[in-house]
N, C-alpha and C. Protein backbone atom coordinates (compact mmCIF):
# COMPACT_ATOMS: atom_id res chain seq x y z
N UNK A 1 5.30 13.97 1.10
CA UNK A 1 4.29 13.28 1.40
C UNK A 1 4.82 12.40 2.48
N UNK A 2 4.00 12.00 3.35
CA UNK A 2 4.38 11.05 4.42
C UNK A 2 3.92 9.64 4.27
N UNK A 3 4.63 9.06 4.66
CA UNK A 3 4.35 7.19 4.68
C UNK A 3 3.73 7.24 5.91
N UNK A 4 2.25 7.21 6.07
CA UNK A 4 1.78 7.15 7.63
C UNK A 4 0.94 6.16 7.55
N UNK A 5 0.13 5.25 6.46
CA UNK A 5 -0.48 4.19 6.64
C UNK A 5 0.17 2.75 6.90
N UNK A 6 -0.32 2.02 7.61
CA UNK A 6 -0.18 0.52 7.88
C UNK A 6 -0.69 -0.27 6.66
N UNK A 7 -0.02 -1.34 6.85
CA UNK A 7 -0.54 -2.62 5.90
C UNK A 7 -2.07 -2.77 6.01
N UNK A 8 -2.39 -2.82 7.37
CA UNK A 8 -3.98 -3.16 7.91
C UNK A 8 -4.67 -2.20 7.26
N UNK A 9 -4.40 -0.80 7.39
CA UNK A 9 -5.24 0.49 7.11
C UNK A 9 -5.55 0.39 5.59
N UNK A 10 -4.11 0.08 4.68
CA UNK A 10 -4.18 -0.07 3.27
C UNK A 10 -5.20 -0.98 2.81
N UNK A 11 -5.16 -2.20 3.43
CA UNK A 11 -5.84 -3.01 2.99
C UNK A 11 -7.48 -2.89 3.48
N UNK A 12 -7.59 -2.34 4.37
CA UNK A 12 -8.89 -1.80 4.46
C UNK A 12 -9.34 -0.84 3.72
N UNK A 13 -8.57 0.09 3.17
CA UNK A 13 -9.33 1.16 2.09
C UNK A 13 -9.18 0.51 0.99
N UNK A 14 -8.35 -0.34 0.54
CA UNK A 14 -9.10 -1.04 -0.88
C UNK A 14 -9.98 -2.14 -0.62
N UNK A 15 -10.42 -2.51 0.77
CA UNK A 15 -11.24 -3.68 0.75
C UNK A 15 -10.67 -5.29 0.17
N UNK A 16 -9.50 -5.16 0.78
CA UNK A 16 -8.52 -6.58 0.32
C UNK A 16 -7.87 -7.13 1.47
N UNK A 17 -7.16 -8.09 1.26
CA UNK A 17 -6.55 -8.65 2.64
C UNK A 17 -5.17 -8.29 2.60
N UNK A 18 -4.41 -8.27 3.77
CA UNK A 18 -3.17 -7.76 4.23
C UNK A 18 -2.19 -8.55 3.05
N UNK A 19 -2.65 -9.83 3.00
CA UNK A 19 -1.65 -10.56 2.22
C UNK A 19 -1.40 -10.04 0.71
N UNK A 20 -2.63 -9.74 0.16
CA UNK A 20 -2.55 -9.02 -1.12
C UNK A 20 -1.73 -7.73 -1.20
N UNK A 21 -2.03 -6.81 -0.19
CA UNK A 21 -1.07 -5.52 -0.08
C UNK A 21 0.29 -6.02 -0.07
N UNK A 22 0.60 -6.76 0.65
CA UNK A 22 2.23 -7.34 1.00
C UNK A 22 2.60 -8.03 -0.36
N UNK A 23 1.91 -8.70 -1.06
CA UNK A 23 2.14 -9.19 -2.17
C UNK A 23 2.64 -8.16 -3.33
N UNK A 24 1.57 -7.03 -3.44
CA UNK A 24 1.98 -5.81 -4.46
C UNK A 24 3.03 -5.34 -4.01
N UNK A 25 3.26 -4.92 -2.63
CA UNK A 25 4.56 -4.41 -2.38
C UNK A 25 5.79 -5.20 -2.90
N UNK A 26 5.72 -6.46 -2.93
CA UNK A 26 6.81 -7.38 -3.43
C UNK A 26 7.23 -7.32 -4.52
N UNK A 27 6.06 -7.38 -5.14
CA UNK A 27 5.88 -7.56 -7.01
C UNK A 27 6.60 -6.03 -7.43
N UNK A 28 6.53 -4.69 -6.53
CA UNK A 28 6.87 -3.62 -6.96
C UNK A 28 5.46 -2.78 -7.64
N UNK A 29 4.43 -3.17 -7.42
CA UNK A 29 3.35 -2.50 -8.04
C UNK A 29 2.65 -1.59 -7.02
N UNK A 30 3.03 -1.51 -5.67
CA UNK A 30 2.63 -0.61 -4.59
C UNK A 30 3.75 -0.20 -3.94
N UNK A 31 4.08 0.97 -3.92
CA UNK A 31 5.38 1.81 -3.55
C UNK A 31 5.04 1.64 -1.95
N UNK A 32 5.93 1.37 -0.89
CA UNK A 32 5.91 1.27 0.52
C UNK A 32 7.35 1.46 1.24
N UNK A 33 7.61 1.81 2.33
CA UNK A 33 8.62 2.32 2.83
C UNK A 33 8.82 1.45 4.27
N UNK A 34 9.83 1.09 4.28
CA UNK A 34 10.04 0.01 5.54
C UNK A 34 10.60 0.76 6.38
N UNK A 35 9.99 1.03 7.77
CA UNK A 35 10.38 1.62 9.02
C UNK A 35 10.83 0.69 9.98
N UNK A 36 12.30 0.78 10.39
CA UNK A 36 12.65 -0.41 11.18
C UNK A 36 12.40 -1.92 10.29
N UNK A 37 13.00 -2.71 11.08
CA UNK A 37 12.95 -4.24 10.79
C UNK A 37 11.53 -4.79 10.41
N UNK A 38 10.58 -4.43 11.03
CA UNK A 38 9.25 -4.78 10.73
C UNK A 38 8.15 -4.20 10.18
N UNK A 39 8.28 -3.02 10.50
CA UNK A 39 7.06 -2.08 10.19
C UNK A 39 7.20 -1.53 8.59
N UNK A 40 6.14 -1.62 7.75
CA UNK A 40 6.11 -1.02 6.60
C UNK A 40 4.90 0.10 6.72
N UNK A 41 5.20 1.02 5.86
CA UNK A 41 4.39 2.37 6.02
C UNK A 41 4.04 2.54 4.27
N UNK A 42 2.87 3.08 4.19
CA UNK A 42 2.36 3.41 2.93
C UNK A 42 2.00 4.80 2.72
N UNK A 43 1.94 5.49 1.27
CA UNK A 43 1.10 6.86 1.36
C UNK A 43 -0.10 6.72 0.63
N UNK A 44 -1.08 7.44 1.22
CA UNK A 44 -2.32 7.42 0.45
C UNK A 44 -2.34 7.83 -0.68
N UNK A 45 -1.60 8.62 -1.07
CA UNK A 45 -1.64 9.03 -2.64
C UNK A 45 -1.10 7.60 -3.50
N UNK A 46 -0.33 6.70 -3.36
CA UNK A 46 -0.01 5.70 -3.80
C UNK A 46 -1.30 4.65 -3.82
N UNK A 47 -1.76 4.55 -3.08
CA UNK A 47 -3.16 3.75 -2.91
C UNK A 47 -4.21 3.99 -3.88
N UNK A 48 -4.19 5.29 -3.89
CA UNK A 48 -5.27 5.99 -4.93
C UNK A 48 -4.82 5.91 -6.33
N UNK A 49 -3.34 5.84 -6.49
CA UNK A 49 -3.20 5.63 -7.96
C UNK A 49 -3.33 4.25 -8.23
N UNK A 50 -2.92 3.27 -7.18
CA UNK A 50 -3.06 1.79 -7.22
C UNK A 50 -4.50 1.35 -7.74
N UNK A 51 -5.47 2.05 -7.01
CA UNK A 51 -6.78 1.63 -7.32
C UNK A 51 -7.75 2.26 -8.45
N UNK A 52 -6.81 3.04 -9.27
CA UNK A 52 -7.39 4.22 -10.09
C UNK A 52 -7.84 2.97 -11.51
N UNK A 53 -8.77 3.13 -11.93
CA UNK A 53 -9.19 2.26 -13.00
C UNK A 53 -8.22 2.63 -14.31
N UNK A 54 -7.85 1.48 -15.04
CA UNK A 54 -7.11 1.41 -16.16
C UNK A 54 -7.80 2.25 -17.22
N UNK A 55 -6.92 3.50 -17.71
CA UNK A 55 -7.25 4.22 -18.85
C UNK A 55 -8.01 5.27 -18.25
N UNK A 56 -7.98 5.58 -16.89
CA UNK A 56 -8.59 6.69 -16.19
C UNK A 56 -7.56 7.63 -16.16
């Protein structure tokens, strides 16, 4: 799987702020990959897992 979504795109998909996405990356609940010193990329499958309801 490729890390191809930006933080902004992930925030748009989940209907949250970029700050929320960055907090979840920092606390380890949302996996991400850093590309260079500033770029962060996420996988769509990780967003889907993150948004899955508990118990599903």
